[in-house]
N, C-alpha and C. Protein backbone atom coordinates (compact mmCIF):
# COMPACT_ATOMS: atom_id res chain seq x y z
N MET A 1 12.15 21.33 24.74
CA MET A 1 11.33 21.70 23.59
C MET A 1 11.78 20.86 22.40
N SER A 2 10.82 20.33 21.68
CA SER A 2 11.18 19.59 20.46
C SER A 2 11.38 20.58 19.32
N ILE A 3 12.28 20.23 18.45
CA ILE A 3 12.57 21.07 17.29
C ILE A 3 11.98 20.38 16.06
N PRO A 4 11.02 21.02 15.39
CA PRO A 4 10.41 20.40 14.22
C PRO A 4 11.45 20.06 13.15
N GLN A 5 11.30 18.89 12.58
CA GLN A 5 12.19 18.43 11.52
C GLN A 5 11.35 17.89 10.38
N LEU A 6 11.83 18.08 9.17
CA LEU A 6 11.14 17.52 8.02
C LEU A 6 11.29 16.00 8.03
N PRO A 7 10.24 15.28 7.72
CA PRO A 7 10.33 13.81 7.71
C PRO A 7 11.09 13.32 6.49
N LYS A 8 11.66 12.15 6.61
CA LYS A 8 12.34 11.51 5.49
C LYS A 8 11.30 11.13 4.44
N PRO A 9 11.72 11.07 3.19
CA PRO A 9 10.78 10.57 2.17
C PRO A 9 10.48 9.10 2.42
N ALA A 10 9.40 8.64 1.85
CA ALA A 10 8.92 7.28 2.07
C ALA A 10 9.00 6.47 0.79
N LYS A 11 9.00 5.15 0.95
CA LYS A 11 8.94 4.22 -0.18
C LYS A 11 7.47 3.93 -0.45
N LEU A 12 6.99 4.29 -1.64
CA LEU A 12 5.61 4.04 -2.00
C LEU A 12 5.39 2.55 -2.26
N VAL A 13 4.39 2.00 -1.59
CA VAL A 13 4.03 0.59 -1.72
C VAL A 13 2.54 0.56 -2.06
N ILE A 14 2.20 -0.15 -3.13
CA ILE A 14 0.80 -0.24 -3.52
C ILE A 14 0.42 -1.70 -3.67
N GLY A 15 -0.64 -2.08 -2.96
CA GLY A 15 -1.19 -3.42 -3.08
C GLY A 15 -2.39 -3.40 -3.99
N LEU A 16 -2.51 -4.41 -4.81
CA LEU A 16 -3.66 -4.55 -5.69
C LEU A 16 -4.24 -5.93 -5.50
N PHE A 17 -5.54 -6.03 -5.39
CA PHE A 17 -6.11 -7.36 -5.46
C PHE A 17 -7.29 -7.35 -6.41
N MET A 18 -7.43 -8.50 -7.08
CA MET A 18 -8.39 -8.62 -8.17
C MET A 18 -8.70 -10.08 -8.41
N LYS A 19 -9.77 -10.32 -9.11
CA LYS A 19 -10.11 -11.67 -9.53
C LYS A 19 -9.40 -11.99 -10.84
N GLU A 20 -9.45 -11.04 -11.77
CA GLU A 20 -8.88 -11.23 -13.11
C GLU A 20 -7.43 -10.78 -13.12
N LYS A 21 -6.51 -11.72 -13.14
CA LYS A 21 -5.08 -11.39 -13.08
C LYS A 21 -4.62 -10.54 -14.26
N ASN A 22 -5.35 -10.60 -15.37
CA ASN A 22 -4.95 -9.83 -16.55
C ASN A 22 -5.14 -8.32 -16.34
N LEU A 23 -5.78 -7.91 -15.26
CA LEU A 23 -5.92 -6.48 -14.96
C LEU A 23 -4.64 -5.88 -14.38
N LEU A 24 -3.74 -6.73 -13.92
CA LEU A 24 -2.52 -6.22 -13.29
C LEU A 24 -1.71 -5.34 -14.23
N GLU A 25 -1.46 -5.81 -15.43
CA GLU A 25 -0.59 -5.06 -16.34
C GLU A 25 -1.14 -3.67 -16.67
N PRO A 26 -2.41 -3.54 -17.09
CA PRO A 26 -2.88 -2.18 -17.36
C PRO A 26 -2.96 -1.30 -16.11
N ALA A 27 -3.27 -1.90 -14.97
CA ALA A 27 -3.31 -1.12 -13.73
C ALA A 27 -1.91 -0.66 -13.34
N ALA A 28 -0.92 -1.55 -13.44
CA ALA A 28 0.46 -1.19 -13.12
C ALA A 28 0.97 -0.10 -14.06
N LYS A 29 0.55 -0.15 -15.31
CA LYS A 29 0.95 0.88 -16.28
C LYS A 29 0.42 2.26 -15.84
N LEU A 30 -0.86 2.31 -15.45
CA LEU A 30 -1.43 3.58 -14.98
C LEU A 30 -0.75 4.06 -13.70
N LEU A 31 -0.45 3.13 -12.80
CA LEU A 31 0.23 3.52 -11.57
C LEU A 31 1.62 4.07 -11.88
N ALA A 32 2.34 3.44 -12.81
CA ALA A 32 3.68 3.92 -13.18
C ALA A 32 3.59 5.30 -13.84
N GLU A 33 2.56 5.54 -14.63
CA GLU A 33 2.39 6.86 -15.25
C GLU A 33 2.22 7.94 -14.20
N ASN A 34 1.60 7.59 -13.08
CA ASN A 34 1.35 8.57 -12.01
C ASN A 34 2.47 8.66 -10.99
N PHE A 35 3.17 7.54 -10.72
CA PHE A 35 4.10 7.52 -9.59
C PHE A 35 5.53 7.14 -9.96
N GLY A 36 5.79 6.93 -11.23
CA GLY A 36 7.14 6.58 -11.66
C GLY A 36 7.31 5.09 -11.83
N PRO A 37 8.51 4.70 -12.28
CA PRO A 37 8.76 3.29 -12.58
C PRO A 37 8.61 2.38 -11.36
N VAL A 38 8.07 1.21 -11.62
CA VAL A 38 7.94 0.17 -10.59
C VAL A 38 9.30 -0.47 -10.41
N ASP A 39 9.70 -0.73 -9.16
CA ASP A 39 11.00 -1.38 -8.96
C ASP A 39 10.94 -2.73 -8.26
N MET A 40 9.82 -3.05 -7.61
CA MET A 40 9.67 -4.37 -7.00
C MET A 40 8.22 -4.82 -7.19
N ILE A 41 8.07 -6.10 -7.53
CA ILE A 41 6.75 -6.69 -7.67
C ILE A 41 6.76 -8.01 -6.90
N SER A 42 5.78 -8.19 -6.05
CA SER A 42 5.68 -9.45 -5.30
C SER A 42 5.19 -10.55 -6.23
N SER A 43 5.33 -11.77 -5.78
CA SER A 43 4.67 -12.88 -6.48
C SER A 43 3.17 -12.79 -6.18
N TRP A 44 2.38 -13.54 -6.92
CA TRP A 44 0.93 -13.57 -6.65
C TRP A 44 0.70 -14.18 -5.28
N MET A 45 -0.21 -13.59 -4.53
CA MET A 45 -0.59 -14.11 -3.24
C MET A 45 -2.10 -14.33 -3.23
N ALA A 46 -2.52 -15.44 -2.70
CA ALA A 46 -3.97 -15.67 -2.56
C ALA A 46 -4.52 -14.65 -1.57
N PHE A 47 -5.71 -14.19 -1.83
CA PHE A 47 -6.37 -13.23 -0.94
C PHE A 47 -7.62 -13.92 -0.42
N ASP A 48 -7.44 -14.73 0.61
CA ASP A 48 -8.57 -15.50 1.13
C ASP A 48 -8.79 -15.27 2.63
N TYR A 49 -8.53 -14.05 3.06
CA TYR A 49 -8.63 -13.75 4.49
C TYR A 49 -10.02 -13.27 4.88
N THR A 50 -10.78 -12.82 3.88
CA THR A 50 -12.11 -12.29 4.15
C THR A 50 -12.96 -12.43 2.90
N ASP A 51 -14.26 -12.49 3.07
CA ASP A 51 -15.14 -12.48 1.90
C ASP A 51 -15.79 -11.11 1.71
N TYR A 52 -15.28 -10.10 2.41
CA TYR A 52 -15.82 -8.74 2.40
C TYR A 52 -15.94 -8.19 0.98
N TYR A 53 -14.96 -8.46 0.13
CA TYR A 53 -14.92 -7.87 -1.21
C TYR A 53 -15.55 -8.74 -2.29
N GLU A 54 -15.84 -9.99 -1.98
CA GLU A 54 -16.28 -10.93 -3.01
C GLU A 54 -17.56 -10.51 -3.72
N ARG A 55 -18.48 -9.92 -3.01
CA ARG A 55 -19.74 -9.50 -3.63
C ARG A 55 -19.49 -8.48 -4.73
N GLU A 56 -18.51 -7.62 -4.50
CA GLU A 56 -18.21 -6.57 -5.47
C GLU A 56 -17.25 -7.06 -6.55
N THR A 57 -16.22 -7.77 -6.18
CA THR A 57 -15.15 -8.11 -7.12
C THR A 57 -15.18 -9.56 -7.61
N GLY A 58 -15.96 -10.40 -6.96
CA GLY A 58 -15.96 -11.82 -7.30
C GLY A 58 -14.87 -12.56 -6.55
N SER A 59 -14.69 -13.82 -6.86
CA SER A 59 -13.67 -14.64 -6.20
C SER A 59 -13.25 -15.75 -7.15
N PRO A 60 -12.10 -16.37 -6.94
CA PRO A 60 -11.12 -16.07 -5.89
C PRO A 60 -10.38 -14.78 -6.21
N LEU A 61 -9.86 -14.16 -5.17
CA LEU A 61 -9.09 -12.93 -5.32
C LEU A 61 -7.61 -13.20 -5.15
N PHE A 62 -6.82 -12.42 -5.88
CA PHE A 62 -5.36 -12.55 -5.83
C PHE A 62 -4.76 -11.18 -5.60
N ARG A 63 -3.63 -11.15 -4.88
CA ARG A 63 -2.95 -9.89 -4.56
C ARG A 63 -1.56 -9.86 -5.18
N ARG A 64 -1.18 -8.67 -5.62
CA ARG A 64 0.19 -8.36 -6.01
C ARG A 64 0.56 -7.06 -5.32
N MET A 65 1.81 -6.93 -4.95
CA MET A 65 2.32 -5.72 -4.31
C MET A 65 3.37 -5.10 -5.23
N LEU A 66 3.35 -3.77 -5.33
CA LEU A 66 4.30 -3.04 -6.16
C LEU A 66 4.98 -1.97 -5.32
N THR A 67 6.24 -1.71 -5.63
CA THR A 67 6.91 -0.54 -5.07
C THR A 67 7.46 0.27 -6.23
N PHE A 68 7.83 1.50 -5.94
CA PHE A 68 8.22 2.44 -6.97
C PHE A 68 9.61 3.01 -6.70
N GLN A 69 10.33 3.30 -7.78
CA GLN A 69 11.72 3.76 -7.66
C GLN A 69 11.82 5.10 -6.96
N THR A 70 10.92 6.00 -7.27
CA THR A 70 10.99 7.35 -6.73
C THR A 70 10.42 7.38 -5.32
N LEU A 71 11.20 7.86 -4.38
CA LEU A 71 10.68 8.03 -3.02
C LEU A 71 9.68 9.18 -3.02
N THR A 72 8.73 9.13 -2.11
CA THR A 72 7.66 10.12 -2.08
C THR A 72 7.61 10.81 -0.72
N GLU A 73 7.06 11.99 -0.72
CA GLU A 73 6.86 12.70 0.54
C GLU A 73 5.70 12.05 1.31
N GLN A 74 5.85 11.93 2.61
CA GLN A 74 4.78 11.33 3.42
C GLN A 74 3.48 12.12 3.29
N THR A 75 3.59 13.42 3.11
CA THR A 75 2.41 14.28 3.00
C THR A 75 1.62 14.04 1.71
N ALA A 76 2.17 13.27 0.78
CA ALA A 76 1.49 13.00 -0.50
C ALA A 76 0.49 11.85 -0.40
N LEU A 77 0.42 11.16 0.72
CA LEU A 77 -0.40 9.95 0.81
C LEU A 77 -1.87 10.19 0.49
N ALA A 78 -2.45 11.28 0.95
CA ALA A 78 -3.86 11.55 0.65
C ALA A 78 -4.06 11.73 -0.86
N ASP A 79 -3.19 12.48 -1.51
CA ASP A 79 -3.30 12.67 -2.96
C ASP A 79 -3.12 11.35 -3.70
N ILE A 80 -2.20 10.53 -3.23
CA ILE A 80 -1.97 9.22 -3.86
C ILE A 80 -3.23 8.37 -3.77
N LYS A 81 -3.88 8.37 -2.61
CA LYS A 81 -5.11 7.59 -2.44
C LYS A 81 -6.22 8.10 -3.37
N ILE A 82 -6.31 9.40 -3.54
CA ILE A 82 -7.32 9.97 -4.45
C ILE A 82 -7.05 9.47 -5.88
N ILE A 83 -5.80 9.47 -6.29
CA ILE A 83 -5.43 9.00 -7.63
C ILE A 83 -5.75 7.51 -7.79
N THR A 84 -5.39 6.71 -6.80
CA THR A 84 -5.65 5.26 -6.91
C THR A 84 -7.16 4.98 -6.90
N ASN A 85 -7.94 5.79 -6.20
CA ASN A 85 -9.39 5.63 -6.25
C ASN A 85 -9.90 5.87 -7.68
N GLU A 86 -9.34 6.87 -8.35
CA GLU A 86 -9.73 7.16 -9.73
C GLU A 86 -9.34 6.00 -10.66
N ILE A 87 -8.18 5.43 -10.43
CA ILE A 87 -7.76 4.28 -11.24
C ILE A 87 -8.71 3.10 -11.02
N GLU A 88 -9.10 2.88 -9.76
CA GLU A 88 -10.08 1.82 -9.48
C GLU A 88 -11.36 2.05 -10.29
N LYS A 89 -11.82 3.31 -10.34
CA LYS A 89 -13.04 3.64 -11.08
C LYS A 89 -12.87 3.31 -12.56
N ASN A 90 -11.66 3.52 -13.11
CA ASN A 90 -11.40 3.21 -14.52
C ASN A 90 -11.64 1.73 -14.82
N PHE A 91 -11.44 0.88 -13.84
CA PHE A 91 -11.59 -0.56 -14.03
C PHE A 91 -12.95 -1.07 -13.55
N SER A 92 -13.78 -0.18 -13.04
CA SER A 92 -15.09 -0.57 -12.52
C SER A 92 -16.08 -0.80 -13.66
N LYS A 93 -17.05 -1.63 -13.38
CA LYS A 93 -18.12 -1.90 -14.34
C LYS A 93 -19.44 -1.93 -13.58
N ASP A 94 -20.40 -1.15 -14.06
CA ASP A 94 -21.71 -1.08 -13.41
C ASP A 94 -21.59 -0.71 -11.94
N GLY A 95 -20.65 0.20 -11.62
CA GLY A 95 -20.48 0.67 -10.26
C GLY A 95 -19.78 -0.31 -9.33
N MET A 96 -19.30 -1.42 -9.87
CA MET A 96 -18.62 -2.44 -9.06
C MET A 96 -17.14 -2.46 -9.42
N ARG A 97 -16.30 -2.49 -8.40
CA ARG A 97 -14.86 -2.53 -8.65
C ARG A 97 -14.43 -3.91 -9.12
N ASN A 98 -13.52 -3.91 -10.07
CA ASN A 98 -12.88 -5.15 -10.52
C ASN A 98 -11.48 -5.27 -9.94
N ILE A 99 -11.02 -4.18 -9.36
CA ILE A 99 -9.68 -4.17 -8.77
C ILE A 99 -9.73 -3.25 -7.55
N ASN A 100 -9.02 -3.64 -6.50
CA ASN A 100 -8.89 -2.83 -5.30
C ASN A 100 -7.44 -2.42 -5.18
N ILE A 101 -7.20 -1.14 -4.98
CA ILE A 101 -5.83 -0.62 -4.93
C ILE A 101 -5.61 0.02 -3.56
N ASP A 102 -4.62 -0.49 -2.84
CA ASP A 102 -4.29 -0.01 -1.49
C ASP A 102 -2.93 0.66 -1.48
N PRO A 103 -2.88 1.99 -1.53
CA PRO A 103 -1.58 2.64 -1.44
C PRO A 103 -1.13 2.80 0.01
N GLY A 104 0.17 2.81 0.19
CA GLY A 104 0.74 3.05 1.51
C GLY A 104 2.19 3.42 1.35
N TYR A 105 2.87 3.56 2.47
CA TYR A 105 4.30 3.84 2.38
C TYR A 105 5.07 3.11 3.47
N MET A 106 6.33 2.88 3.12
CA MET A 106 7.27 2.22 4.01
C MET A 106 8.23 3.26 4.56
N LEU A 107 8.44 3.19 5.85
CA LEU A 107 9.48 3.96 6.52
C LEU A 107 10.37 3.00 7.29
N HIS A 108 11.43 3.50 7.81
CA HIS A 108 12.36 2.68 8.60
C HIS A 108 11.65 1.96 9.73
N GLU A 109 10.71 2.65 10.37
CA GLU A 109 10.09 2.14 11.59
C GLU A 109 8.65 1.67 11.47
N ARG A 110 8.01 1.87 10.28
CA ARG A 110 6.60 1.50 10.18
C ARG A 110 6.14 1.38 8.73
N PHE A 111 4.99 0.71 8.58
CA PHE A 111 4.30 0.60 7.31
C PHE A 111 2.91 1.17 7.50
N VAL A 112 2.52 2.10 6.65
CA VAL A 112 1.27 2.84 6.77
C VAL A 112 0.45 2.66 5.50
N LEU A 113 -0.84 2.43 5.64
CA LEU A 113 -1.75 2.37 4.50
C LEU A 113 -2.69 3.57 4.53
N ALA A 114 -3.22 3.94 3.37
CA ALA A 114 -4.22 4.99 3.27
C ALA A 114 -5.60 4.35 3.25
N SER A 115 -6.57 5.04 3.84
CA SER A 115 -7.94 4.54 3.86
C SER A 115 -8.91 5.72 3.78
N GLY A 116 -10.04 5.48 3.17
CA GLY A 116 -11.11 6.47 3.17
C GLY A 116 -12.05 6.30 4.35
N LYS A 117 -11.75 5.33 5.19
CA LYS A 117 -12.63 5.03 6.32
C LYS A 117 -11.96 5.42 7.64
N ASN A 118 -12.70 6.12 8.47
CA ASN A 118 -12.21 6.50 9.79
C ASN A 118 -12.31 5.31 10.74
N PHE A 119 -11.43 5.27 11.71
CA PHE A 119 -11.50 4.31 12.80
C PHE A 119 -10.65 4.85 13.93
N THR A 120 -10.76 4.27 15.11
CA THR A 120 -10.11 4.82 16.29
C THR A 120 -8.61 5.00 16.15
N HIS A 121 -7.92 4.12 15.44
CA HIS A 121 -6.47 4.18 15.33
C HIS A 121 -5.98 4.93 14.09
N ARG A 122 -6.89 5.43 13.28
CA ARG A 122 -6.51 6.12 12.05
C ARG A 122 -6.46 7.62 12.27
N ILE A 123 -5.49 8.25 11.63
CA ILE A 123 -5.28 9.69 11.76
C ILE A 123 -5.70 10.36 10.45
N TYR A 124 -6.51 11.39 10.56
CA TYR A 124 -6.96 12.12 9.38
C TYR A 124 -5.79 12.89 8.78
N ILE A 125 -5.60 12.74 7.46
CA ILE A 125 -4.48 13.42 6.79
C ILE A 125 -4.95 14.36 5.68
N GLY A 126 -6.25 14.56 5.59
CA GLY A 126 -6.79 15.51 4.62
C GLY A 126 -7.48 14.84 3.45
N LYS A 127 -8.33 15.62 2.77
CA LYS A 127 -9.02 15.19 1.55
C LYS A 127 -9.88 13.94 1.75
N GLY A 128 -10.37 13.73 2.98
CA GLY A 128 -11.21 12.58 3.26
C GLY A 128 -10.44 11.28 3.46
N ILE A 129 -9.13 11.38 3.66
CA ILE A 129 -8.26 10.20 3.75
C ILE A 129 -7.63 10.12 5.14
N TYR A 130 -7.47 8.88 5.60
CA TYR A 130 -6.87 8.59 6.91
C TYR A 130 -5.63 7.73 6.72
N ALA A 131 -4.67 7.90 7.61
CA ALA A 131 -3.47 7.05 7.63
C ALA A 131 -3.68 5.95 8.66
N ASP A 132 -3.46 4.71 8.22
CA ASP A 132 -3.65 3.54 9.06
C ASP A 132 -2.28 2.96 9.39
N LEU A 133 -1.86 3.08 10.64
CA LEU A 133 -0.62 2.45 11.07
C LEU A 133 -0.85 0.95 11.04
N THR A 134 -0.25 0.27 10.06
CA THR A 134 -0.56 -1.13 9.79
C THR A 134 0.41 -2.09 10.45
N LEU A 135 1.70 -1.80 10.37
CA LEU A 135 2.75 -2.63 10.97
C LEU A 135 3.82 -1.72 11.55
N ILE A 136 4.47 -2.18 12.61
CA ILE A 136 5.63 -1.46 13.14
C ILE A 136 6.85 -2.38 13.03
N TYR A 137 7.99 -1.76 12.80
CA TYR A 137 9.23 -2.53 12.68
C TYR A 137 10.00 -2.42 13.98
N THR A 138 10.21 -3.56 14.61
CA THR A 138 10.96 -3.60 15.85
C THR A 138 11.57 -4.99 16.02
N LYS A 139 12.68 -5.07 16.68
CA LYS A 139 13.33 -6.35 16.97
C LYS A 139 13.60 -7.17 15.71
N GLY A 140 13.96 -6.47 14.63
CA GLY A 140 14.36 -7.15 13.40
C GLY A 140 13.24 -7.63 12.50
N GLY A 141 12.01 -7.22 12.78
CA GLY A 141 10.91 -7.66 11.92
C GLY A 141 9.68 -6.82 12.12
N PHE A 142 8.71 -7.04 11.24
CA PHE A 142 7.44 -6.33 11.36
C PHE A 142 6.56 -6.99 12.38
N GLN A 143 5.97 -6.17 13.24
CA GLN A 143 5.06 -6.64 14.27
C GLN A 143 3.65 -6.17 13.92
N THR A 144 2.70 -7.05 14.08
CA THR A 144 1.31 -6.69 13.82
C THR A 144 0.74 -5.91 15.00
N LEU A 145 -0.36 -5.28 14.72
CA LEU A 145 -1.10 -4.54 15.73
C LEU A 145 -2.50 -5.14 15.81
N PRO A 146 -3.25 -4.86 16.85
CA PRO A 146 -4.57 -5.50 16.97
C PRO A 146 -5.48 -5.27 15.75
N TRP A 147 -5.26 -4.19 15.01
CA TRP A 147 -6.11 -3.85 13.87
C TRP A 147 -5.48 -4.18 12.52
N THR A 148 -4.31 -4.76 12.50
CA THR A 148 -3.65 -5.08 11.23
C THR A 148 -4.52 -6.03 10.42
N TYR A 149 -4.76 -5.67 9.17
CA TYR A 149 -5.53 -6.54 8.28
C TYR A 149 -4.85 -7.90 8.20
N PRO A 150 -5.64 -8.99 8.17
CA PRO A 150 -5.04 -10.33 8.16
C PRO A 150 -4.07 -10.57 7.00
N ASP A 151 -4.34 -10.02 5.83
CA ASP A 151 -3.41 -10.24 4.71
C ASP A 151 -2.07 -9.56 4.94
N TYR A 152 -2.06 -8.43 5.64
CA TYR A 152 -0.80 -7.76 5.96
C TYR A 152 -0.12 -8.39 7.18
N ALA A 153 -0.87 -9.11 7.97
CA ALA A 153 -0.30 -9.82 9.12
C ALA A 153 0.32 -11.15 8.69
N ASP A 154 -0.03 -11.63 7.51
CA ASP A 154 0.47 -12.91 7.02
C ASP A 154 2.00 -12.90 6.95
N LYS A 155 2.61 -14.01 7.33
CA LYS A 155 4.07 -14.09 7.38
C LYS A 155 4.72 -13.82 6.02
N LYS A 156 4.14 -14.37 4.94
CA LYS A 156 4.72 -14.14 3.60
C LYS A 156 4.72 -12.66 3.26
N MET A 157 3.64 -11.97 3.60
CA MET A 157 3.56 -10.54 3.34
C MET A 157 4.60 -9.79 4.15
N ARG A 158 4.74 -10.13 5.41
CA ARG A 158 5.71 -9.43 6.26
C ARG A 158 7.14 -9.70 5.81
N VAL A 159 7.42 -10.90 5.30
CA VAL A 159 8.75 -11.19 4.75
C VAL A 159 9.00 -10.32 3.53
N TRP A 160 8.01 -10.22 2.63
CA TRP A 160 8.17 -9.39 1.45
C TRP A 160 8.35 -7.93 1.84
N LEU A 161 7.55 -7.45 2.77
CA LEU A 161 7.68 -6.05 3.21
C LEU A 161 9.02 -5.79 3.88
N LYS A 162 9.59 -6.78 4.52
CA LYS A 162 10.95 -6.64 5.09
C LYS A 162 11.96 -6.42 3.96
N GLN A 163 11.79 -7.11 2.84
CA GLN A 163 12.67 -6.90 1.69
C GLN A 163 12.51 -5.47 1.15
N VAL A 164 11.28 -4.98 1.13
CA VAL A 164 11.02 -3.61 0.71
C VAL A 164 11.71 -2.63 1.66
N ARG A 165 11.57 -2.89 2.96
CA ARG A 165 12.19 -2.02 3.95
C ARG A 165 13.71 -2.01 3.79
N ASP A 166 14.31 -3.19 3.59
CA ASP A 166 15.76 -3.28 3.41
C ASP A 166 16.20 -2.45 2.21
N ARG A 167 15.46 -2.54 1.12
CA ARG A 167 15.79 -1.76 -0.08
C ARG A 167 15.65 -0.27 0.20
N TYR A 168 14.58 0.11 0.88
CA TYR A 168 14.35 1.51 1.24
C TYR A 168 15.51 2.06 2.09
N VAL A 169 15.95 1.30 3.07
CA VAL A 169 17.06 1.73 3.93
C VAL A 169 18.31 1.96 3.08
N ARG A 170 18.58 1.04 2.14
CA ARG A 170 19.74 1.21 1.24
C ARG A 170 19.58 2.48 0.39
N GLU A 171 18.37 2.72 -0.11
CA GLU A 171 18.12 3.91 -0.94
C GLU A 171 18.35 5.19 -0.14
N LEU A 172 17.94 5.21 1.12
CA LEU A 172 18.17 6.39 1.96
C LEU A 172 19.66 6.64 2.16
N ARG A 173 20.44 5.57 2.34
CA ARG A 173 21.88 5.72 2.51
C ARG A 173 22.53 6.31 1.25
N ILE A 174 22.06 5.88 0.09
CA ILE A 174 22.61 6.37 -1.18
C ILE A 174 22.30 7.85 -1.34
N GLU A 175 21.08 8.27 -0.94
CA GLU A 175 20.67 9.68 -1.07
C GLU A 175 21.48 10.59 -0.16
N ASN A 176 21.85 10.09 1.01
CA ASN A 176 22.55 10.95 2.00
C ASN A 176 24.01 10.99 1.80
């Protein structure tokens, strides 16, 4: 018989992509007001893996990734996605998004993103939100899955996420 255990807290990771780079600062400010101080910011990354968003947001698109000092409960992911959707609306004009915000969390063994869209590999977590198992950590690095978004499968992204994971592991050791 398995004995239920409470899960470890997670490292909140939020990806933002936008055409107008000047939106990063006000968006990061709102995210920090909701989730606490930012502790890691990636360099700018080109977002040229798909043209899916260009009609709504324009092009070229650029991505930045943020992490937060305060660890979060895994069960908070649906609420976090609802909040980030509201922040996206704050930056929208004429019903079109100017910024896309992808919240997720880092654990020792995996990286998970939140989505409002169902799919075969996504698990419903409440409030209209699904958890998308995006990457798994094994053999010293992140491994992609058949459904991993191309930007998260990119080597630069996986290297950056490995740095996030290393920091998260250190933070867990300090807490215990």
